[in-house]
Amino acid sequence: MRWLLDFLPIVLFVLLYKLQGIYAATAALMAATAAQMAVVWWLDRKLSALQKTTLVLVLVFGTLTLVLQDERFIKWKPTVLYAGMALALVAMLQIWRRNVLHMLLGTQLNLPPAVWQRLTWAWAGYFAFMAGLNGVVAYAFSTDDWVNFKLWGYVFPIVFIVGQGFYIARHLPAEAESPPDHEKP
């Protein structure tokens, strides 16, 4: 049910764009993202760094879009977010020798260090790919095409995450088999 909360801002954005245009959609995206983060804060009593960054970027780029009446700002927000995430993963790994994915998920997944390293590089590559793809669509295509890409572009993370799941599954330690129920004392 919580995943619905993640999709609410983009669904409202697309719906308002189709009904009232980019500026109404941008205002709705800003309000929905702020409301989404308020709900997350209420449920978890914290926001992750990614959630805070997303909120700030939506509000900053949304405000620039509305004040300057220039849709390019909201269209470039995902490129900035994805590029920033790619750079952060690489910088943490290469400069500070910290594996962010392992730090975030290490208590939930028992994986060898080399697997965590490959996962981090894969995520950095994915974010760089998405930054480039959004940049191309934002620059070379119409706003209508970009909005449709935002909606249907969710196939990319789904495919990537499923692929990551298959990769991770191969490296998870096998659980000790328990004896059949009839052999238990």
N, C-alpha and C. Protein backbone atom coordinates (compact mmCIF):
# COMPACT_ATOMS: atom_id res chain seq x y z
N MET A 1 0.82 -1.19 0.00
CA MET A 1 0.00 0.00 0.00
C MET A 1 0.86 1.26 0.00
N ARG A 2 2.03 1.15 0.63
CA ARG A 2 2.90 2.31 0.74
C ARG A 2 3.47 2.73 -0.62
N TRP A 3 3.60 1.79 -1.53
CA TRP A 3 4.12 2.12 -2.85
C TRP A 3 3.19 3.08 -3.58
N LEU A 4 1.89 3.04 -3.24
CA LEU A 4 0.94 3.99 -3.83
C LEU A 4 1.31 5.43 -3.48
N LEU A 5 1.82 5.61 -2.29
CA LEU A 5 2.25 6.93 -1.84
C LEU A 5 3.37 7.46 -2.72
N ASP A 6 4.25 6.57 -3.18
CA ASP A 6 5.36 6.98 -4.04
C ASP A 6 4.89 7.42 -5.42
N PHE A 7 3.82 6.84 -5.91
CA PHE A 7 3.33 7.16 -7.25
C PHE A 7 2.35 8.32 -7.29
N LEU A 8 1.81 8.70 -6.16
CA LEU A 8 0.80 9.75 -6.11
C LEU A 8 1.25 11.06 -6.77
N PRO A 9 2.43 11.60 -6.43
CA PRO A 9 2.82 12.88 -7.05
C PRO A 9 2.91 12.81 -8.58
N ILE A 10 3.49 11.75 -9.12
CA ILE A 10 3.64 11.68 -10.58
C ILE A 10 2.30 11.46 -11.26
N VAL A 11 1.42 10.69 -10.64
CA VAL A 11 0.09 10.47 -11.22
C VAL A 11 -0.69 11.80 -11.23
N LEU A 12 -0.63 12.53 -10.13
CA LEU A 12 -1.30 13.84 -10.10
C LEU A 12 -0.69 14.79 -11.11
N PHE A 13 0.64 14.76 -11.25
CA PHE A 13 1.32 15.61 -12.22
C PHE A 13 0.81 15.33 -13.63
N VAL A 14 0.79 14.06 -14.01
CA VAL A 14 0.35 13.69 -15.36
C VAL A 14 -1.12 14.04 -15.57
N LEU A 15 -1.96 13.74 -14.60
CA LEU A 15 -3.38 14.03 -14.71
C LEU A 15 -3.63 15.54 -14.86
N LEU A 16 -3.00 16.34 -14.01
CA LEU A 16 -3.18 17.80 -14.10
C LEU A 16 -2.58 18.35 -15.39
N TYR A 17 -1.48 17.76 -15.83
CA TYR A 17 -0.89 18.22 -17.09
C TYR A 17 -1.90 18.02 -18.23
N LYS A 18 -2.51 16.84 -18.28
CA LYS A 18 -3.47 16.55 -19.35
C LYS A 18 -4.69 17.46 -19.27
N LEU A 19 -5.11 17.81 -18.06
CA LEU A 19 -6.32 18.61 -17.87
C LEU A 19 -6.08 20.12 -17.92
N GLN A 20 -4.95 20.57 -17.35
CA GLN A 20 -4.77 22.02 -17.19
C GLN A 20 -3.41 22.56 -17.61
N GLY A 21 -2.49 21.71 -18.02
CA GLY A 21 -1.21 22.21 -18.50
C GLY A 21 -0.07 22.06 -17.51
N ILE A 22 1.10 22.45 -17.97
CA ILE A 22 2.34 22.20 -17.22
C ILE A 22 2.42 22.99 -15.92
N TYR A 23 1.89 24.19 -15.87
CA TYR A 23 2.04 25.00 -14.66
C TYR A 23 1.14 24.51 -13.54
N ALA A 24 -0.09 24.13 -13.86
CA ALA A 24 -0.97 23.53 -12.85
C ALA A 24 -0.40 22.19 -12.39
N ALA A 25 0.15 21.44 -13.32
CA ALA A 25 0.75 20.15 -12.99
C ALA A 25 1.96 20.33 -12.08
N THR A 26 2.75 21.33 -12.35
CA THR A 26 3.93 21.60 -11.53
C THR A 26 3.52 21.98 -10.11
N ALA A 27 2.52 22.84 -9.99
CA ALA A 27 2.02 23.22 -8.66
C ALA A 27 1.48 21.99 -7.93
N ALA A 28 0.77 21.13 -8.63
CA ALA A 28 0.24 19.91 -8.02
C ALA A 28 1.37 18.98 -7.59
N LEU A 29 2.40 18.87 -8.42
CA LEU A 29 3.56 18.03 -8.08
C LEU A 29 4.22 18.55 -6.81
N MET A 30 4.39 19.85 -6.71
CA MET A 30 5.00 20.43 -5.52
C MET A 30 4.16 20.14 -4.27
N ALA A 31 2.87 20.37 -4.36
CA ALA A 31 1.98 20.14 -3.21
C ALA A 31 1.92 18.65 -2.85
N ALA A 32 1.81 17.80 -3.86
CA ALA A 32 1.72 16.36 -3.60
C ALA A 32 3.01 15.81 -3.01
N THR A 33 4.15 16.30 -3.49
CA THR A 33 5.42 15.83 -2.95
C THR A 33 5.59 16.29 -1.50
N ALA A 34 5.21 17.53 -1.20
CA ALA A 34 5.27 18.01 0.17
C ALA A 34 4.34 17.20 1.07
N ALA A 35 3.13 16.92 0.59
CA ALA A 35 2.19 16.10 1.37
C ALA A 35 2.72 14.68 1.55
N GLN A 36 3.27 14.14 0.49
CA GLN A 36 3.85 12.78 0.55
C GLN A 36 4.94 12.73 1.63
N MET A 37 5.83 13.70 1.64
CA MET A 37 6.92 13.71 2.62
C MET A 37 6.39 13.93 4.04
N ALA A 38 5.33 14.70 4.17
CA ALA A 38 4.70 14.89 5.48
C ALA A 38 4.14 13.57 6.00
N VAL A 39 3.50 12.81 5.12
CA VAL A 39 2.96 11.50 5.52
C VAL A 39 4.10 10.55 5.89
N VAL A 40 5.14 10.53 5.08
CA VAL A 40 6.30 9.66 5.39
C VAL A 40 6.89 10.06 6.74
N TRP A 41 7.03 11.36 6.96
CA TRP A 41 7.55 11.83 8.25
C TRP A 41 6.64 11.40 9.39
N TRP A 42 5.34 11.51 9.19
CA TRP A 42 4.39 11.12 10.22
C TRP A 42 4.48 9.63 10.52
N LEU A 43 4.65 8.80 9.47
CA LEU A 43 4.73 7.36 9.65
C LEU A 43 6.07 6.90 10.24
N ASP A 44 7.18 7.48 9.73
CA ASP A 44 8.51 7.00 10.10
C ASP A 44 9.26 7.90 11.07
N ARG A 45 8.78 9.11 11.25
CA ARG A 45 9.45 10.12 12.06
C ARG A 45 10.84 10.48 11.53
N LYS A 46 11.03 10.27 10.21
CA LYS A 46 12.28 10.66 9.57
C LYS A 46 12.08 10.64 8.06
N LEU A 47 12.97 11.34 7.36
CA LEU A 47 13.04 11.30 5.91
C LEU A 47 14.46 10.89 5.54
N SER A 48 14.57 10.05 4.53
CA SER A 48 15.90 9.66 4.06
C SER A 48 16.54 10.82 3.32
N ALA A 49 17.84 10.72 3.09
CA ALA A 49 18.54 11.77 2.34
C ALA A 49 17.95 11.91 0.94
N LEU A 50 17.59 10.80 0.32
CA LEU A 50 16.98 10.85 -1.01
C LEU A 50 15.63 11.56 -0.98
N GLN A 51 14.83 11.28 0.03
CA GLN A 51 13.53 11.93 0.14
C GLN A 51 13.69 13.44 0.36
N LYS A 52 14.63 13.83 1.20
CA LYS A 52 14.89 15.25 1.42
C LYS A 52 15.36 15.92 0.13
N THR A 53 16.27 15.27 -0.57
CA THR A 53 16.80 15.82 -1.81
C THR A 53 15.70 15.96 -2.85
N THR A 54 14.88 14.93 -2.98
CA THR A 54 13.77 14.98 -3.92
C THR A 54 12.83 16.14 -3.60
N LEU A 55 12.49 16.29 -2.34
CA LEU A 55 11.59 17.37 -1.93
C LEU A 55 12.20 18.74 -2.28
N VAL A 56 13.46 18.93 -1.94
CA VAL A 56 14.11 20.22 -2.22
C VAL A 56 14.16 20.48 -3.72
N LEU A 57 14.54 19.47 -4.51
CA LEU A 57 14.62 19.68 -5.96
C LEU A 57 13.25 19.96 -6.57
N VAL A 58 12.23 19.25 -6.13
CA VAL A 58 10.88 19.50 -6.65
C VAL A 58 10.45 20.93 -6.31
N LEU A 59 10.70 21.35 -5.08
CA LEU A 59 10.29 22.69 -4.68
C LEU A 59 11.10 23.77 -5.40
N VAL A 60 12.41 23.58 -5.52
CA VAL A 60 13.25 24.59 -6.17
C VAL A 60 12.95 24.66 -7.67
N PHE A 61 12.99 23.51 -8.35
CA PHE A 61 12.76 23.51 -9.79
C PHE A 61 11.30 23.87 -10.11
N GLY A 62 10.39 23.45 -9.25
CA GLY A 62 8.98 23.80 -9.44
C GLY A 62 8.76 25.30 -9.29
N THR A 63 9.37 25.87 -8.27
CA THR A 63 9.25 27.31 -8.06
C THR A 63 9.83 28.08 -9.25
N LEU A 64 11.01 27.67 -9.72
CA LEU A 64 11.60 28.33 -10.89
C LEU A 64 10.69 28.22 -12.11
N THR A 65 10.09 27.03 -12.28
CA THR A 65 9.16 26.83 -13.40
C THR A 65 7.99 27.79 -13.31
N LEU A 66 7.41 27.91 -12.13
CA LEU A 66 6.22 28.76 -11.96
C LEU A 66 6.55 30.25 -12.00
N VAL A 67 7.59 30.66 -11.32
CA VAL A 67 7.92 32.09 -11.25
C VAL A 67 8.40 32.60 -12.61
N LEU A 68 9.24 31.81 -13.27
CA LEU A 68 9.79 32.25 -14.56
C LEU A 68 8.92 31.83 -15.75
N GLN A 69 7.85 31.07 -15.45
CA GLN A 69 6.97 30.57 -16.51
C GLN A 69 7.78 29.87 -17.62
N ASP A 70 8.67 28.97 -17.17
CA ASP A 70 9.56 28.24 -18.07
C ASP A 70 9.55 26.77 -17.70
N GLU A 71 8.92 25.97 -18.53
CA GLU A 71 8.76 24.54 -18.25
C GLU A 71 10.06 23.75 -18.27
N ARG A 72 11.11 24.33 -18.81
CA ARG A 72 12.39 23.61 -18.87
C ARG A 72 12.90 23.23 -17.49
N PHE A 73 12.62 24.05 -16.50
CA PHE A 73 13.15 23.77 -15.17
C PHE A 73 12.58 22.47 -14.61
N ILE A 74 11.29 22.28 -14.67
CA ILE A 74 10.69 21.07 -14.12
C ILE A 74 11.10 19.85 -14.95
N LYS A 75 11.32 20.05 -16.23
CA LYS A 75 11.73 18.94 -17.09
C LYS A 75 13.16 18.48 -16.79
N TRP A 76 14.00 19.39 -16.32
CA TRP A 76 15.39 19.03 -16.02
C TRP A 76 15.59 18.53 -14.60
N LYS A 77 14.60 18.67 -13.74
CA LYS A 77 14.73 18.21 -12.35
C LYS A 77 15.12 16.75 -12.26
N PRO A 78 14.50 15.81 -13.00
CA PRO A 78 14.92 14.41 -12.89
C PRO A 78 16.37 14.19 -13.34
N THR A 79 16.81 14.93 -14.34
CA THR A 79 18.18 14.77 -14.80
C THR A 79 19.14 15.16 -13.69
N VAL A 80 18.87 16.27 -13.02
CA VAL A 80 19.73 16.71 -11.92
C VAL A 80 19.71 15.70 -10.78
N LEU A 81 18.52 15.19 -10.44
CA LEU A 81 18.40 14.21 -9.36
C LEU A 81 19.16 12.94 -9.69
N TYR A 82 18.92 12.37 -10.86
CA TYR A 82 19.60 11.13 -11.25
C TYR A 82 21.11 11.31 -11.34
N ALA A 83 21.55 12.39 -11.95
CA ALA A 83 22.99 12.64 -12.07
C ALA A 83 23.62 12.80 -10.68
N GLY A 84 22.94 13.51 -9.81
CA GLY A 84 23.43 13.68 -8.45
C GLY A 84 23.54 12.36 -7.71
N MET A 85 22.56 11.49 -7.89
CA MET A 85 22.60 10.19 -7.23
C MET A 85 23.74 9.34 -7.78
N ALA A 86 23.94 9.37 -9.08
CA ALA A 86 25.05 8.61 -9.68
C ALA A 86 26.38 9.12 -9.15
N LEU A 87 26.55 10.44 -9.15
CA LEU A 87 27.80 11.02 -8.65
C LEU A 87 28.01 10.73 -7.17
N ALA A 88 26.95 10.79 -6.38
CA ALA A 88 27.07 10.51 -4.95
C ALA A 88 27.51 9.07 -4.71
N LEU A 89 26.92 8.12 -5.42
CA LEU A 89 27.32 6.72 -5.25
C LEU A 89 28.78 6.51 -5.61
N VAL A 90 29.19 7.07 -6.74
CA VAL A 90 30.58 6.90 -7.19
C VAL A 90 31.54 7.61 -6.23
N ALA A 91 31.21 8.83 -5.83
CA ALA A 91 32.09 9.57 -4.91
C ALA A 91 32.22 8.85 -3.57
N MET A 92 31.11 8.38 -3.05
CA MET A 92 31.17 7.66 -1.77
C MET A 92 32.05 6.41 -1.89
N LEU A 93 31.93 5.73 -3.00
CA LEU A 93 32.69 4.49 -3.21
C LEU A 93 34.16 4.78 -3.48
N GLN A 94 34.45 5.71 -4.35
CA GLN A 94 35.81 5.95 -4.80
C GLN A 94 36.61 6.89 -3.90
N ILE A 95 35.97 7.91 -3.38
CA ILE A 95 36.70 8.90 -2.59
C ILE A 95 36.67 8.55 -1.10
N TRP A 96 35.49 8.29 -0.57
CA TRP A 96 35.35 8.04 0.86
C TRP A 96 35.35 6.56 1.22
N ARG A 97 35.44 5.71 0.20
CA ARG A 97 35.49 4.25 0.42
C ARG A 97 34.32 3.76 1.27
N ARG A 98 33.16 4.32 1.00
CA ARG A 98 31.92 3.92 1.67
C ARG A 98 30.95 3.39 0.63
N ASN A 99 30.36 2.26 0.90
CA ASN A 99 29.37 1.70 0.00
C ASN A 99 27.99 2.03 0.55
N VAL A 100 27.34 3.00 -0.07
CA VAL A 100 26.06 3.49 0.42
C VAL A 100 25.01 2.38 0.43
N LEU A 101 24.96 1.57 -0.62
CA LEU A 101 23.96 0.49 -0.64
C LEU A 101 24.16 -0.48 0.51
N HIS A 102 25.42 -0.82 0.78
CA HIS A 102 25.69 -1.73 1.90
C HIS A 102 25.31 -1.07 3.22
N MET A 103 25.59 0.22 3.34
CA MET A 103 25.23 0.93 4.57
C MET A 103 23.72 0.95 4.76
N LEU A 104 22.95 1.11 3.67
CA LEU A 104 21.50 1.18 3.77
C LEU A 104 20.83 -0.18 3.92
N LEU A 105 21.37 -1.19 3.23
CA LEU A 105 20.69 -2.48 3.14
C LEU A 105 21.45 -3.64 3.77
N GLY A 106 22.63 -3.37 4.29
CA GLY A 106 23.48 -4.44 4.82
C GLY A 106 22.87 -5.22 5.96
N THR A 107 22.00 -4.60 6.73
CA THR A 107 21.36 -5.33 7.82
C THR A 107 20.23 -6.23 7.32
N GLN A 108 19.76 -5.98 6.10
CA GLN A 108 18.66 -6.76 5.55
C GLN A 108 19.13 -7.84 4.59
N LEU A 109 20.29 -7.63 3.97
CA LEU A 109 20.82 -8.57 2.99
C LEU A 109 22.25 -8.95 3.36
N ASN A 110 22.51 -10.24 3.43
CA ASN A 110 23.85 -10.72 3.72
C ASN A 110 24.51 -11.09 2.40
N LEU A 111 25.31 -10.15 1.87
CA LEU A 111 25.96 -10.35 0.58
C LEU A 111 27.46 -10.14 0.73
N PRO A 112 28.25 -10.82 -0.09
CA PRO A 112 29.70 -10.60 -0.06
C PRO A 112 30.06 -9.18 -0.48
N PRO A 113 31.17 -8.65 0.01
CA PRO A 113 31.59 -7.28 -0.35
C PRO A 113 31.68 -7.04 -1.85
N ALA A 114 32.16 -8.01 -2.61
CA ALA A 114 32.28 -7.83 -4.06
C ALA A 114 30.91 -7.65 -4.71
N VAL A 115 29.89 -8.30 -4.18
CA VAL A 115 28.53 -8.16 -4.72
C VAL A 115 28.00 -6.76 -4.41
N TRP A 116 28.24 -6.29 -3.18
CA TRP A 116 27.82 -4.92 -2.84
C TRP A 116 28.50 -3.91 -3.77
N GLN A 117 29.77 -4.16 -4.07
CA GLN A 117 30.51 -3.26 -4.97
C GLN A 117 29.87 -3.25 -6.36
N ARG A 118 29.58 -4.42 -6.90
CA ARG A 118 28.97 -4.50 -8.23
C ARG A 118 27.58 -3.88 -8.24
N LEU A 119 26.82 -4.10 -7.19
CA LEU A 119 25.48 -3.50 -7.09
C LEU A 119 25.57 -1.97 -7.10
N THR A 120 26.51 -1.44 -6.36
CA THR A 120 26.66 0.01 -6.31
C THR A 120 27.03 0.57 -7.68
N TRP A 121 27.95 -0.09 -8.37
CA TRP A 121 28.32 0.36 -9.72
C TRP A 121 27.13 0.24 -10.66
N ALA A 122 26.36 -0.83 -10.51
CA ALA A 122 25.17 -1.01 -11.37
C ALA A 122 24.17 0.12 -11.13
N TRP A 123 23.93 0.47 -9.87
CA TRP A 123 23.00 1.55 -9.56
C TRP A 123 23.53 2.88 -10.06
N ALA A 124 24.82 3.12 -9.90
CA ALA A 124 25.40 4.37 -10.42
C ALA A 124 25.22 4.44 -11.93
N GLY A 125 25.46 3.33 -12.61
CA GLY A 125 25.26 3.28 -14.07
C GLY A 125 23.81 3.50 -14.45
N TYR A 126 22.91 2.88 -13.70
CA TYR A 126 21.47 3.05 -13.96
C TYR A 126 21.08 4.52 -13.80
N PHE A 127 21.52 5.16 -12.71
CA PHE A 127 21.18 6.57 -12.50
C PHE A 127 21.77 7.45 -13.59
N ALA A 128 23.00 7.16 -14.01
CA ALA A 128 23.61 7.94 -15.09
C ALA A 128 22.82 7.75 -16.39
N PHE A 129 22.41 6.51 -16.66
CA PHE A 129 21.60 6.23 -17.85
C PHE A 129 20.29 7.01 -17.80
N MET A 130 19.61 6.97 -16.66
CA MET A 130 18.33 7.67 -16.53
C MET A 130 18.51 9.19 -16.63
N ALA A 131 19.61 9.72 -16.08
CA ALA A 131 19.88 11.15 -16.20
C ALA A 131 20.04 11.52 -17.67
N GLY A 132 20.82 10.72 -18.40
CA GLY A 132 21.02 10.99 -19.82
C GLY A 132 19.75 10.84 -20.62
N LEU A 133 18.99 9.80 -20.33
CA LEU A 133 17.75 9.57 -21.06
C LEU A 133 16.75 10.70 -20.82
N ASN A 134 16.58 11.11 -19.56
CA ASN A 134 15.67 12.22 -19.28
C ASN A 134 16.18 13.50 -19.94
N GLY A 135 17.48 13.70 -19.93
CA GLY A 135 18.04 14.89 -20.57
C GLY A 135 17.73 14.93 -22.05
N VAL A 136 17.87 13.80 -22.72
CA VAL A 136 17.58 13.73 -24.15
C VAL A 136 16.09 14.00 -24.40
N VAL A 137 15.24 13.35 -23.64
CA VAL A 137 13.79 13.53 -23.85
C VAL A 137 13.38 14.96 -23.52
N ALA A 138 13.92 15.53 -22.43
CA ALA A 138 13.57 16.90 -22.05
C ALA A 138 14.04 17.91 -23.09
N TYR A 139 15.19 17.66 -23.69
CA TYR A 139 15.76 18.61 -24.64
C TYR A 139 15.21 18.44 -26.06
N ALA A 140 15.10 17.20 -26.51
CA ALA A 140 14.82 16.95 -27.92
C ALA A 140 13.35 16.68 -28.25
N PHE A 141 12.51 16.50 -27.25
CA PHE A 141 11.13 16.15 -27.50
C PHE A 141 10.20 17.20 -26.91
N SER A 142 8.95 17.13 -27.30
CA SER A 142 7.96 18.09 -26.80
C SER A 142 7.65 17.81 -25.32
N THR A 143 7.01 18.76 -24.69
CA THR A 143 6.59 18.57 -23.30
C THR A 143 5.59 17.43 -23.19
N ASP A 144 4.70 17.30 -24.17
CA ASP A 144 3.77 16.17 -24.17
C ASP A 144 4.52 14.84 -24.16
N ASP A 145 5.53 14.73 -25.01
CA ASP A 145 6.33 13.50 -25.06
C ASP A 145 7.06 13.27 -23.74
N TRP A 146 7.59 14.35 -23.15
CA TRP A 146 8.32 14.22 -21.89
C TRP A 146 7.38 13.75 -20.78
N VAL A 147 6.17 14.30 -20.72
CA VAL A 147 5.22 13.87 -19.69
C VAL A 147 4.85 12.40 -19.89
N ASN A 148 4.61 12.00 -21.12
CA ASN A 148 4.33 10.58 -21.37
C ASN A 148 5.52 9.71 -20.98
N PHE A 149 6.72 10.18 -21.25
CA PHE A 149 7.92 9.46 -20.85
C PHE A 149 7.98 9.34 -19.33
N LYS A 150 7.62 10.40 -18.60
CA LYS A 150 7.63 10.34 -17.14
C LYS A 150 6.69 9.26 -16.64
N LEU A 151 5.53 9.15 -17.28
CA LEU A 151 4.55 8.15 -16.85
C LEU A 151 5.00 6.74 -17.25
N TRP A 152 5.29 6.54 -18.51
CA TRP A 152 5.63 5.20 -19.00
C TRP A 152 7.09 4.85 -18.73
N GLY A 153 7.89 5.84 -18.36
CA GLY A 153 9.28 5.58 -18.03
C GLY A 153 9.48 4.78 -16.76
N TYR A 154 8.39 4.57 -16.01
CA TYR A 154 8.50 3.75 -14.81
C TYR A 154 8.83 2.30 -15.11
N VAL A 155 8.76 1.92 -16.37
CA VAL A 155 9.15 0.57 -16.74
C VAL A 155 10.65 0.36 -16.51
N PHE A 156 11.45 1.42 -16.68
CA PHE A 156 12.90 1.29 -16.50
C PHE A 156 13.28 0.87 -15.09
N PRO A 157 12.80 1.58 -14.06
CA PRO A 157 13.17 1.12 -12.72
C PRO A 157 12.61 -0.24 -12.37
N ILE A 158 11.43 -0.56 -12.86
CA ILE A 158 10.86 -1.88 -12.57
C ILE A 158 11.73 -2.97 -13.16
N VAL A 159 12.12 -2.83 -14.41
CA VAL A 159 12.98 -3.83 -15.06
C VAL A 159 14.33 -3.90 -14.34
N PHE A 160 14.89 -2.75 -14.01
CA PHE A 160 16.19 -2.74 -13.34
C PHE A 160 16.12 -3.40 -11.98
N ILE A 161 15.10 -3.09 -11.20
CA ILE A 161 14.97 -3.66 -9.85
C ILE A 161 14.72 -5.17 -9.92
N VAL A 162 13.91 -5.61 -10.85
CA VAL A 162 13.69 -7.06 -11.01
C VAL A 162 15.01 -7.74 -11.37
N GLY A 163 15.75 -7.14 -12.30
CA GLY A 163 17.06 -7.69 -12.65
C GLY A 163 18.00 -7.74 -11.45
N GLN A 164 17.99 -6.70 -10.62
CA GLN A 164 18.80 -6.69 -9.41
C GLN A 164 18.37 -7.81 -8.47
N GLY A 165 17.07 -8.03 -8.38
CA GLY A 165 16.57 -9.11 -7.53
C GLY A 165 17.09 -10.47 -7.95
N PHE A 166 17.09 -10.73 -9.26
CA PHE A 166 17.63 -11.99 -9.76
C PHE A 166 19.13 -12.11 -9.46
N TYR A 167 19.85 -11.01 -9.64
CA TYR A 167 21.28 -11.02 -9.37
C TYR A 167 21.55 -11.25 -7.88
N ILE A 168 20.83 -10.54 -7.02
CA ILE A 168 21.03 -10.68 -5.58
C ILE A 168 20.68 -12.09 -5.11
N ALA A 169 19.60 -12.65 -5.65
CA ALA A 169 19.15 -13.99 -5.24
C ALA A 169 20.24 -15.03 -5.43
N ARG A 170 21.03 -14.89 -6.47
CA ARG A 170 22.12 -15.86 -6.72
C ARG A 170 23.19 -15.80 -5.64
N HIS A 171 23.29 -14.68 -4.94
CA HIS A 171 24.37 -14.49 -3.98
C HIS A 171 23.92 -14.54 -2.52
N LEU A 172 22.65 -14.76 -2.29
CA LEU A 172 22.18 -14.87 -0.92
C LEU A 172 22.58 -16.22 -0.35
N PRO A 173 22.98 -16.26 0.92
CA PRO A 173 23.33 -17.56 1.50
C PRO A 173 22.09 -18.43 1.62
N ALA A 174 22.27 -19.71 1.36
CA ALA A 174 21.15 -20.65 1.47
C ALA A 174 20.80 -20.81 2.94
N GLU A 175 19.49 -20.80 3.22
CA GLU A 175 19.05 -21.00 4.60
C GLU A 175 19.17 -22.47 4.95
N ALA A 176 19.50 -22.73 6.19
CA ALA A 176 19.61 -24.13 6.63
C ALA A 176 18.23 -24.77 6.53
N GLU A 177 18.22 -25.95 5.95
CA GLU A 177 16.93 -26.64 5.80
C GLU A 177 16.48 -27.15 7.15
N SER A 178 15.20 -26.97 7.41
CA SER A 178 14.65 -27.50 8.66
C SER A 178 14.07 -28.88 8.39
N PRO A 179 14.08 -29.73 9.40
CA PRO A 179 13.53 -31.08 9.18
C PRO A 179 12.04 -31.02 8.92
N PRO A 180 11.52 -32.00 8.19
CA PRO A 180 10.06 -32.04 7.95
C PRO A 180 9.30 -32.02 9.28
N ASP A 181 8.04 -31.58 9.22
CA ASP A 181 7.23 -31.46 10.43
C ASP A 181 7.11 -32.77 11.19
N HIS A 182 7.06 -33.90 10.51
CA HIS A 182 6.87 -35.17 11.21
C HIS A 182 8.13 -35.59 11.95
N GLU A 183 9.28 -34.97 11.67
CA GLU A 183 10.52 -35.31 12.37
C GLU A 183 10.83 -34.35 13.50
N LYS A 184 10.04 -33.30 13.65
CA LYS A 184 10.29 -32.36 14.73
C LYS A 184 9.79 -32.96 16.05
N PRO A 185 10.54 -32.69 17.14
CA PRO A 185 10.12 -33.23 18.44
C PRO A 185 8.85 -32.61 18.96
